Amino acid sequence: MQRSIQQLVAVFILLTAIAWWITGRVAISQSVREFFLGEEETSTQLEASPGDQEKALIEKAVAELPPPPAEHSPEVAELISHLAELQTIPSILVNAVKRDRETPKEQTPPAWSDAEVQALRDYQAKFRQAWEPFLSGPAPNWAKFPDSAIFFRSQFPPMADSYRDILRYGLYEAEQPQSWGGEPENHPEFYLRLFRQTTTLGALRFGTISGWAVTDMVRGAKLSEEMVRKSDYFFSPRSQNPEELLPLTPSPPTIATLREGLKTDRAVFLETAQYLESLPPQTPAKIGLTRLLEDEGDASWFVSHVNNPKTVRDLATILRQGADQISLLEQKTYLSGPAWRQWLRGNLETGISPALQGSLEGIQDFEKTTLEYQVSLAFLQASAAYRKSGVEGMRNIPDPARPGSFLTIAASTNGITLSSVFQPEEGKNYSFSFEPLPTP
């Protein structure tokens, strides 16, 4: 269990580090400098120390703006409260981490004492307890609480920098924490439950590496499929019983959940526009959005994505136009099956608002990703059946890619091959080969 927690935390560190890297590389625009210093003073001060000056300007500008609304759903409010409690790090852990970092690289840091190890165990137990109510309770009504949707998508998964470092540490070994690594698919018990709670968090996909790029419902389904497929849960004797994993998996996306995700997106656009309109009209767009998202990297990406509006009022106008077009996208979800597929095959970007440009990738991948995820769940069911009654137990698992038929089982040089008619790539069926387990 301890090793599992170590690996889980490593994923959080990776995500946080990426977000931190983005933030550190974002530059403030000339309009921001002129807004706070004036053109002549801006030129003089930036010649002296551009990096420090830019950072100081951003921090000063953001701090002077009124805080955004924070009307959270009960589930998210409780999670935020529990995570806030983790920011008080026991001094015994602070000192232990400091000792490790101050040890020269060519030397092995001293082993942790029993008291330090116990303090770490207690702290990590609090981490698990902080998340458990959210993961095991009802999913939030994201469309009703856009502040929660903004918080979750811009800080996914929520993790404060003030305590992220301490969570890197597990039961200490000389080569840690440098050797710790892992991807989300290595921690399906956590992430499948997390994606189950965020199915309707949004349908539009923004950015490339921030939380907004991985939390739309179709990307969540894709990541869930990868976790099931890559996490060794199919037929490895080392994996736990797949029957324990099946109840944790999110339901495959449907048109109805896609529609709900779009409603959340629309609510987020309108909430963002309303906050920006409450700020002084000439506030630079990047500064206003940074105050709302609490992430300069995300704010910079969004503003540049919509052709760099100068002020918050300009950006708010673009977002309200985008919200109107999201309503039109919602209407498309009511089309009949053939009409829906014909619409998807067209150029969805034609005539679309700048706020929505490049954000429809998830909708375009909806049907393919949904089917691929359904097939992965069928494989997981086949694995559970195999453990009960061997190969014969797998023969009655339906193939979602061909209604009325079943998954195919064949002997090969690699052992037994389970396959579907679904082809993620042309000419390549979705399949899995494995050696028979010693005892089904």
Protein backbone atom coordinates (compact mmCIF):
# COMPACT_ATOMS: atom_id res chain seq x y z
CA MET A 1 0.00 0.00 0.00
CA GLN A 2 2.84 2.39 0.93
CA ARG A 3 4.53 1.87 -2.43
CA SER A 4 1.21 2.48 -4.19
CA ILE A 5 0.82 5.79 -2.38
CA GLN A 6 4.38 6.74 -3.29
CA GLN A 7 3.64 6.16 -6.96
CA LEU A 8 0.33 8.01 -6.79
CA VAL A 9 1.95 11.04 -5.27
CA ALA A 10 4.65 10.99 -7.93
CA VAL A 11 1.98 11.54 -10.59
CA PHE A 12 0.73 14.59 -8.72
CA ILE A 13 4.23 15.98 -8.54
CA LEU A 14 4.67 15.56 -12.27
CA LEU A 15 1.43 17.40 -13.03
CA THR A 16 2.25 20.18 -10.59
CA ALA A 17 5.79 20.54 -11.90
CA ILE A 18 4.49 20.90 -15.44
CA ALA A 19 2.07 23.63 -14.40
CA TRP A 20 4.85 25.34 -12.46
CA TRP A 21 7.14 25.19 -15.51
CA ILE A 22 4.50 26.83 -17.67
CA THR A 23 3.91 29.60 -15.14
CA GLY A 24 7.60 30.36 -14.94
CA ARG A 25 7.92 30.83 -18.68
CA VAL A 26 4.95 33.13 -19.29
CA ALA A 27 5.87 36.72 -20.07
CA ILE A 28 3.74 39.77 -19.29
CA SER A 29 2.52 41.76 -22.28
CA GLN A 30 3.56 45.30 -23.15
CA SER A 31 0.01 46.52 -22.48
CA VAL A 32 0.26 45.31 -18.88
CA ARG A 33 3.53 47.14 -18.32
CA GLU A 34 2.12 50.37 -19.72
CA PHE A 35 -1.07 50.01 -17.69
CA PHE A 36 0.77 50.01 -14.36
CA LEU A 37 3.95 52.03 -15.04
CA GLY A 38 3.36 54.21 -18.05
CA GLU A 39 5.26 53.84 -21.29
CA GLU A 40 8.45 55.72 -20.32
CA GLU A 41 8.80 54.19 -16.85
CA THR A 42 8.13 50.76 -18.28
CA SER A 43 10.96 51.06 -20.77
CA THR A 44 13.44 52.28 -18.14
CA GLN A 45 12.61 49.67 -15.49
CA LEU A 46 12.55 46.70 -17.84
CA GLU A 47 16.04 47.52 -19.08
CA ALA A 48 17.27 47.14 -15.53
CA SER A 49 15.82 43.74 -14.65
CA PRO A 50 13.20 42.40 -17.07
CA GLY A 51 12.56 39.06 -15.36
CA ASP A 52 12.16 40.40 -11.84
CA GLN A 53 10.21 43.42 -13.03
CA GLU A 54 7.74 41.32 -15.02
CA LYS A 55 7.14 39.01 -12.08
CA ALA A 56 6.66 41.91 -9.70
CA LEU A 57 4.23 43.61 -12.06
CA ILE A 58 2.13 40.51 -12.46
CA GLU A 59 2.00 39.80 -8.73
CA LYS A 60 1.15 43.43 -7.93
CA ALA A 61 -1.53 43.63 -10.60
CA VAL A 62 -3.19 40.34 -9.67
CA ALA A 63 -3.10 41.05 -5.93
CA GLU A 64 -4.87 44.37 -6.35
CA LEU A 65 -7.89 42.85 -8.08
CA PRO A 66 -10.93 41.72 -6.07
CA PRO A 67 -11.16 37.96 -5.50
CA PRO A 68 -13.34 35.94 -7.87
CA PRO A 69 -16.52 34.26 -6.63
CA ALA A 70 -16.10 30.87 -4.99
CA GLU A 71 -19.53 29.31 -4.74
CA HIS A 72 -18.50 25.67 -4.70
CA SER A 73 -20.55 22.51 -4.72
CA PRO A 74 -20.70 20.82 -1.30
CA GLU A 75 -18.44 18.02 -2.52
CA VAL A 76 -15.72 20.34 -3.83
CA ALA A 77 -15.98 22.69 -0.84
CA GLU A 78 -15.36 19.75 1.48
CA LEU A 79 -12.38 18.57 -0.59
CA ILE A 80 -10.84 22.05 -0.60
CA SER A 81 -11.25 22.22 3.17
CA HIS A 82 -9.59 18.84 3.69
CA LEU A 83 -6.70 19.65 1.35
CA ALA A 84 -6.16 22.97 3.13
CA GLU A 85 -5.54 21.08 6.35
CA LEU A 86 -2.58 19.34 4.68
CA GLN A 87 -0.76 22.63 4.22
CA THR A 88 0.32 22.57 7.86
CA ILE A 89 3.35 20.32 7.57
CA PRO A 90 4.76 18.84 10.79
CA SER A 91 8.13 20.36 11.62
CA ILE A 92 9.66 16.89 11.97
CA LEU A 93 8.99 16.28 8.27
CA VAL A 94 10.15 19.73 7.22
CA ASN A 95 13.46 19.15 8.96
CA ALA A 96 13.85 15.64 7.52
CA VAL A 97 13.31 16.87 3.98
CA LYS A 98 15.68 19.78 4.53
CA ARG A 99 18.35 17.37 5.77
CA ASP A 100 17.96 15.21 2.65
CA ARG A 101 18.24 18.20 0.33
CA GLU A 102 21.31 19.58 2.06
CA THR A 103 23.15 16.26 1.76
CA PRO A 104 25.72 16.47 -1.08
CA LYS A 105 24.72 14.48 -4.15
CA GLU A 106 27.70 12.19 -3.90
CA GLN A 107 26.66 11.16 -0.37
CA THR A 108 23.76 9.03 0.86
CA PRO A 109 21.41 10.99 3.11
CA PRO A 110 21.00 9.65 6.65
CA ALA A 111 18.18 7.15 7.09
CA TRP A 112 14.96 8.50 8.52
CA SER A 113 14.25 7.78 12.17
CA ASP A 114 11.26 5.74 13.27
CA ALA A 115 9.57 8.93 14.44
CA GLU A 116 10.09 10.61 11.07
CA VAL A 117 8.77 7.61 9.20
CA GLN A 118 5.70 7.46 11.42
CA ALA A 119 5.09 11.18 10.96
CA LEU A 120 5.21 10.65 7.20
CA ARG A 121 2.80 7.72 7.39
CA ASP A 122 0.38 9.83 9.41
CA TYR A 123 0.64 12.71 6.96
CA GLN A 124 0.04 10.53 3.93
CA ALA A 125 -2.90 8.88 5.68
CA LYS A 126 -4.42 12.35 6.02
CA PHE A 127 -3.87 12.80 2.29
CA ARG A 128 -5.89 9.67 1.53
CA GLN A 129 -8.57 10.70 4.00
CA ALA A 130 -8.82 14.14 2.38
CA TRP A 131 -9.70 12.63 -0.98
CA GLU A 132 -11.88 9.73 0.08
CA PRO A 133 -15.21 11.60 0.64
CA PHE A 134 -14.95 13.20 -2.79
CA LEU A 135 -14.06 9.96 -4.58
CA SER A 136 -16.71 7.84 -2.87
CA GLY A 137 -19.56 10.35 -2.72
CA PRO A 138 -21.94 11.71 -5.36
CA ALA A 139 -20.49 13.53 -8.36
CA PRO A 140 -20.78 17.33 -8.16
CA ASN A 141 -23.31 19.18 -10.29
CA TRP A 142 -20.61 20.95 -12.29
CA ALA A 143 -22.98 22.98 -14.47
CA LYS A 144 -24.72 24.37 -11.38
CA PHE A 145 -21.41 25.28 -9.73
CA PRO A 146 -19.13 26.72 -12.45
CA ASP A 147 -16.72 28.02 -9.80
CA SER A 148 -16.00 24.40 -8.87
CA ALA A 149 -15.56 23.49 -12.54
CA ILE A 150 -13.07 26.34 -13.02
CA PHE A 151 -11.17 25.32 -9.90
CA PHE A 152 -10.97 21.68 -10.89
CA ARG A 153 -10.09 22.16 -14.54
CA SER A 154 -7.42 24.77 -13.87
CA GLN A 155 -5.84 22.85 -10.96
CA PHE A 156 -6.35 19.22 -11.91
CA PRO A 157 -5.99 17.39 -9.69
CA PRO A 158 -6.06 20.04 -6.94
CA MET A 159 -2.67 20.05 -5.24
CA ALA A 160 -1.15 23.00 -3.40
CA ASP A 161 2.53 23.77 -3.96
CA SER A 162 3.02 24.35 -0.23
CA TYR A 163 2.79 20.65 0.58
CA ARG A 164 3.40 18.86 -2.70
CA ASP A 165 7.09 18.31 -1.96
CA ILE A 166 6.52 16.48 1.29
CA LEU A 167 4.20 14.06 -0.48
CA ARG A 168 7.08 12.99 -2.70
CA TYR A 169 8.57 11.04 0.13
CA GLY A 170 7.68 7.52 1.07
CA LEU A 171 9.42 5.07 3.35
CA TYR A 172 12.90 6.35 2.77
CA GLU A 173 15.45 4.56 0.62
CA ALA A 174 18.75 5.93 -0.56
CA GLU A 175 17.78 6.28 -4.22
CA GLN A 176 14.50 8.04 -3.53
CA PRO A 177 12.83 10.30 -4.45
CA GLN A 178 14.72 10.61 -7.75
CA SER A 179 13.69 7.12 -8.84
CA TRP A 180 10.02 7.64 -8.19
CA GLY A 181 7.96 7.88 -11.32
CA GLY A 182 4.73 6.76 -12.84
CA GLU A 183 1.88 7.64 -15.13
CA PRO A 184 -1.84 7.86 -14.36
CA GLU A 185 -2.45 4.41 -15.84
CA ASN A 186 -0.27 2.98 -13.07
CA HIS A 187 -2.74 4.21 -10.46
CA PRO A 188 -6.17 3.19 -11.78
CA GLU A 189 -7.78 2.81 -8.36
CA PHE A 190 -7.44 6.56 -7.79
CA TYR A 191 -7.78 8.00 -11.28
CA LEU A 192 -10.72 5.90 -12.43
CA ARG A 193 -12.66 7.08 -9.40
CA LEU A 194 -11.53 10.65 -10.07
CA PHE A 195 -12.66 10.55 -13.71
CA ARG A 196 -15.93 8.97 -12.61
CA GLN A 197 -16.61 12.10 -10.57
CA THR A 198 -15.66 14.48 -13.39
CA THR A 199 -17.56 12.97 -16.33
CA THR A 200 -19.59 16.15 -16.91
CA LEU A 201 -16.84 18.58 -15.93
CA GLY A 202 -16.71 19.79 -19.53
CA ALA A 203 -16.88 18.70 -23.17
CA LEU A 204 -14.56 21.29 -24.72
CA ARG A 205 -10.80 20.70 -24.72
CA PHE A 206 -8.36 23.58 -24.29
CA GLY A 207 -4.59 23.84 -24.30
CA THR A 208 -1.97 21.16 -24.60
CA ILE A 209 -0.57 20.21 -21.19
CA SER A 210 -2.57 22.06 -18.54
CA GLY A 211 -5.53 20.66 -16.63
CA TRP A 212 -7.90 22.04 -19.27
CA ALA A 213 -6.45 19.61 -21.81
CA VAL A 214 -7.12 16.43 -19.81
CA THR A 215 -10.44 17.03 -18.09
CA ASP A 216 -12.97 17.09 -20.89
CA MET A 217 -15.23 14.05 -20.77
CA VAL A 218 -13.84 12.37 -23.90
CA ARG A 219 -10.22 12.75 -22.79
CA GLY A 220 -11.26 11.34 -19.42
CA ALA A 221 -12.75 8.30 -21.17
CA LYS A 222 -9.58 7.89 -23.23
CA LEU A 223 -7.36 8.02 -20.16
CA SER A 224 -9.66 5.57 -18.40
CA GLU A 225 -9.31 3.17 -21.33
CA GLU A 226 -5.53 3.49 -21.20
CA MET A 227 -5.49 2.84 -17.46
CA VAL A 228 -7.52 -0.33 -17.86
CA ARG A 229 -5.46 -1.50 -20.84
CA LYS A 230 -1.99 -0.66 -19.55
CA SER A 231 -2.31 -1.25 -15.84
CA ASP A 232 -1.77 -5.02 -16.05
CA TYR A 233 -5.29 -5.73 -14.88
CA PHE A 234 -6.26 -8.00 -17.76
CA PHE A 235 -4.48 -11.30 -17.26
CA SER A 236 -1.37 -10.76 -15.19
CA PRO A 237 -0.96 -13.03 -12.19
CA ARG A 238 0.51 -10.03 -10.36
CA SER A 239 -2.63 -7.91 -10.65
CA GLN A 240 -5.51 -7.81 -8.25
CA ASN A 241 -8.83 -9.37 -9.16
CA PRO A 242 -10.36 -7.30 -11.99
CA GLU A 243 -13.75 -7.65 -10.31
CA GLU A 244 -12.43 -5.18 -7.75
CA LEU A 245 -11.63 -2.66 -10.48
CA LEU A 246 -14.88 -2.90 -12.47
CA PRO A 247 -17.04 -1.03 -9.92
CA LEU A 248 -14.57 1.88 -9.93
CA THR A 249 -14.67 2.56 -13.67
CA PRO A 250 -16.59 5.54 -15.09
CA SER A 251 -19.53 4.76 -17.33
CA PRO A 252 -18.76 5.17 -21.05
CA PRO A 253 -19.76 8.63 -22.32
CA THR A 254 -23.16 9.05 -23.92
CA ILE A 255 -24.74 11.83 -25.91
CA ALA A 256 -26.54 12.83 -22.72
CA THR A 257 -23.30 13.21 -20.76
CA LEU A 258 -21.74 15.07 -23.67
CA ARG A 259 -24.67 17.48 -23.54
CA GLU A 260 -24.22 17.94 -19.78
CA GLY A 261 -20.53 18.63 -20.31
CA LEU A 262 -21.40 21.38 -22.79
CA LYS A 263 -23.77 22.91 -20.25
CA THR A 264 -20.89 23.06 -17.80
CA ASP A 265 -18.68 24.69 -20.44
CA ARG A 266 -21.34 27.31 -21.10
CA ALA A 267 -21.73 28.02 -17.39
CA VAL A 268 -17.94 28.41 -17.08
CA PHE A 269 -17.84 30.88 -19.97
CA LEU A 270 -20.66 32.97 -18.52
CA GLU A 271 -19.23 32.91 -14.99
CA THR A 272 -15.84 33.98 -16.31
CA ALA A 273 -17.36 36.78 -18.39
CA GLN A 274 -19.36 38.03 -15.43
CA TYR A 275 -16.29 38.22 -13.22
CA LEU A 276 -14.22 39.98 -15.88
CA GLU A 277 -17.00 42.53 -16.36
CA SER A 278 -16.91 43.30 -12.63
CA LEU A 279 -13.29 44.47 -12.87
CA PRO A 280 -12.10 47.97 -13.87
CA PRO A 281 -12.77 48.16 -17.63
CA GLN A 282 -9.16 48.82 -18.64
CA THR A 283 -7.71 45.90 -16.66
CA PRO A 284 -5.48 43.88 -19.01
CA ALA A 285 -7.16 40.65 -20.06
CA LYS A 286 -4.27 38.44 -18.92
CA ILE A 287 -4.22 39.98 -15.45
CA GLY A 288 -7.97 39.59 -14.94
CA LEU A 289 -7.99 36.00 -16.11
CA THR A 290 -4.93 35.15 -14.02
CA ARG A 291 -6.78 36.40 -10.93
CA LEU A 292 -9.68 34.09 -11.71
CA LEU A 293 -7.76 30.97 -12.70
CA GLU A 294 -4.87 31.46 -10.25
CA ASP A 295 -2.61 30.21 -13.01
CA GLU A 296 -0.70 32.63 -15.22
CA GLY A 297 0.14 29.90 -17.73
CA ASP A 298 -3.48 29.00 -18.38
CA ALA A 299 -4.48 32.66 -18.53
CA SER A 300 -1.75 33.47 -21.04
CA TRP A 301 -2.75 30.52 -23.23
CA PHE A 302 -6.43 31.44 -23.26
CA VAL A 303 -5.86 35.10 -24.04
CA SER A 304 -3.47 34.36 -26.89
CA HIS A 305 -5.88 31.68 -28.15
CA VAL A 306 -8.62 34.27 -28.66
CA ASN A 307 -6.41 36.72 -30.57
CA ASN A 308 -5.07 38.67 -27.59
CA PRO A 309 -7.92 40.96 -26.51
CA LYS A 310 -6.46 43.96 -24.69
CA THR A 311 -8.88 44.41 -21.79
CA VAL A 312 -11.10 42.26 -19.60
CA ARG A 313 -14.16 43.78 -21.25
CA ASP A 314 -12.93 42.68 -24.67
CA LEU A 315 -12.31 39.16 -23.38
CA ALA A 316 -15.71 39.03 -21.68
CA THR A 317 -17.42 39.90 -24.96
CA ILE A 318 -15.61 37.06 -26.72
CA LEU A 319 -16.59 34.61 -23.99
CA ARG A 320 -20.26 35.58 -24.14
CA GLN A 321 -20.21 35.03 -27.89
CA GLY A 322 -18.61 31.65 -27.24
CA ALA A 323 -21.33 30.79 -24.73
CA ASP A 324 -23.98 31.45 -27.38
CA GLN A 325 -22.21 29.09 -29.77
CA ILE A 326 -21.97 26.41 -27.08
CA SER A 327 -25.76 26.54 -26.94
CA LEU A 328 -25.78 25.78 -30.67
CA LEU A 329 -23.46 22.82 -30.05
CA GLU A 330 -25.87 21.55 -27.41
CA GLN A 331 -28.64 21.59 -29.99
CA LYS A 332 -26.54 19.40 -32.29
CA THR A 333 -26.59 16.65 -29.66
CA TYR A 334 -30.31 16.20 -30.30
CA LEU A 335 -29.73 15.21 -33.95
CA SER A 336 -30.59 11.69 -35.03
CA GLY A 337 -27.71 9.20 -35.24
CA PRO A 338 -27.06 9.57 -39.00
CA ALA A 339 -27.44 13.35 -38.91
CA TRP A 340 -25.12 13.55 -35.90
CA ARG A 341 -22.42 11.53 -37.66
CA GLN A 342 -22.76 13.58 -40.83
CA TRP A 343 -22.31 16.76 -38.80
CA LEU A 344 -19.21 15.32 -37.12
CA ARG A 345 -17.68 14.53 -40.51
CA GLY A 346 -17.99 18.16 -41.57
CA ASN A 347 -15.70 21.07 -40.77
CA LEU A 348 -16.83 21.94 -37.27
CA GLU A 349 -14.55 24.98 -37.12
CA THR A 350 -16.35 26.87 -39.90
CA GLY A 351 -17.79 30.11 -38.57
CA ILE A 352 -16.96 29.26 -34.98
CA SER A 353 -16.10 31.83 -32.31
CA PRO A 354 -12.40 32.34 -31.48
CA ALA A 355 -13.23 31.17 -27.96
CA LEU A 356 -14.13 27.73 -29.32
CA GLN A 357 -11.47 27.41 -32.02
CA GLY A 358 -9.48 24.21 -31.58
CA SER A 359 -11.60 23.04 -28.65
CA LEU A 360 -13.82 20.53 -30.46
CA GLU A 361 -11.29 17.71 -30.71
CA GLY A 362 -13.00 15.80 -27.93
CA ILE A 363 -16.40 16.05 -29.60
CA GLN A 364 -14.88 14.88 -32.89
CA ASP A 365 -13.36 11.85 -31.12
CA PHE A 366 -16.49 11.13 -29.10
CA GLU A 367 -17.77 8.03 -30.90
CA LYS A 368 -14.38 6.39 -31.50
CA THR A 369 -13.19 6.97 -27.95
CA THR A 370 -16.47 5.80 -26.45
CA LEU A 371 -16.36 2.55 -28.41
CA GLU A 372 -12.70 1.96 -27.56
CA TYR A 373 -13.47 2.45 -23.88
CA GLN A 374 -16.44 0.06 -24.08
CA VAL A 375 -14.17 -2.57 -25.63
CA SER A 376 -11.59 -2.13 -22.87
CA LEU A 377 -14.32 -2.68 -20.27
CA ALA A 378 -15.39 -5.83 -22.12
CA PHE A 379 -11.80 -7.06 -21.89
CA LEU A 380 -11.82 -6.33 -18.17
CA GLN A 381 -15.03 -8.36 -17.85
CA ALA A 382 -13.38 -11.16 -19.83
CA SER A 383 -10.46 -11.11 -17.43
CA ALA A 384 -12.81 -11.45 -14.47
CA ALA A 385 -14.61 -14.33 -16.20
CA TYR A 386 -11.29 -16.03 -17.00
CA ARG A 387 -10.29 -16.01 -13.36
CA LYS A 388 -13.53 -17.75 -12.48
CA SER A 389 -13.77 -20.40 -15.18
CA GLY A 390 -10.80 -20.16 -17.54
CA VAL A 391 -11.00 -19.68 -21.31
CA GLU A 392 -14.60 -20.89 -21.49
CA GLY A 393 -15.59 -18.06 -19.21
CA MET A 394 -14.46 -15.52 -21.78
CA ARG A 395 -16.48 -16.89 -24.69
CA ASN A 396 -19.74 -15.27 -23.63
CA ILE A 397 -18.48 -11.68 -23.31
CA PRO A 398 -20.22 -9.52 -25.96
CA ASP A 399 -18.11 -7.46 -28.34
CA PRO A 400 -19.35 -3.84 -28.14
CA ALA A 401 -17.92 -3.16 -31.60
CA ARG A 402 -20.30 -5.67 -33.23
CA PRO A 403 -23.71 -5.99 -31.55
CA GLY A 404 -24.87 -9.61 -31.36
CA SER A 405 -21.36 -11.09 -31.50
CA PHE A 406 -18.74 -11.94 -28.89
CA LEU A 407 -15.07 -11.26 -28.29
CA THR A 408 -12.79 -13.61 -30.25
CA ILE A 409 -10.46 -16.06 -28.52
CA ALA A 410 -7.62 -17.71 -30.40
CA ALA A 411 -4.38 -19.56 -29.68
CA SER A 412 -1.19 -17.92 -30.93
CA THR A 413 2.57 -18.14 -30.50
CA ASN A 414 2.19 -15.73 -27.58
CA GLY A 415 -0.36 -17.92 -25.82
CA ILE A 416 -4.02 -16.91 -25.86
CA THR A 417 -5.19 -13.88 -27.80
CA LEU A 418 -8.41 -12.06 -26.98
CA SER A 419 -9.58 -9.60 -29.64
CA SER A 420 -12.41 -7.37 -30.79
CA VAL A 421 -13.40 -6.37 -34.29
CA PHE A 422 -12.78 -2.78 -33.22
CA GLN A 423 -9.69 -1.31 -34.92
CA PRO A 424 -8.09 1.68 -33.16
CA GLU A 425 -5.77 1.84 -36.17
CA GLU A 426 -6.63 0.64 -39.65
CA GLY A 427 -5.85 -3.05 -40.05
CA LYS A 428 -5.04 -3.54 -36.36
CA ASN A 429 -7.65 -5.06 -34.09
CA TYR A 430 -7.93 -4.21 -30.42
CA SER A 431 -6.41 -7.32 -28.84
CA PHE A 432 -4.47 -8.67 -25.90
CA SER A 433 -2.24 -11.75 -25.80
CA PHE A 434 -1.32 -13.51 -22.59
CA GLU A 435 0.09 -16.69 -21.18
CA PRO A 436 -2.51 -18.80 -19.33
CA LEU A 437 -2.51 -18.15 -15.61
CA PRO A 438 -1.41 -21.13 -13.48
CA THR A 439 -4.81 -21.37 -11.82
CA PRO A 440 -7.82 -19.58 -13.33
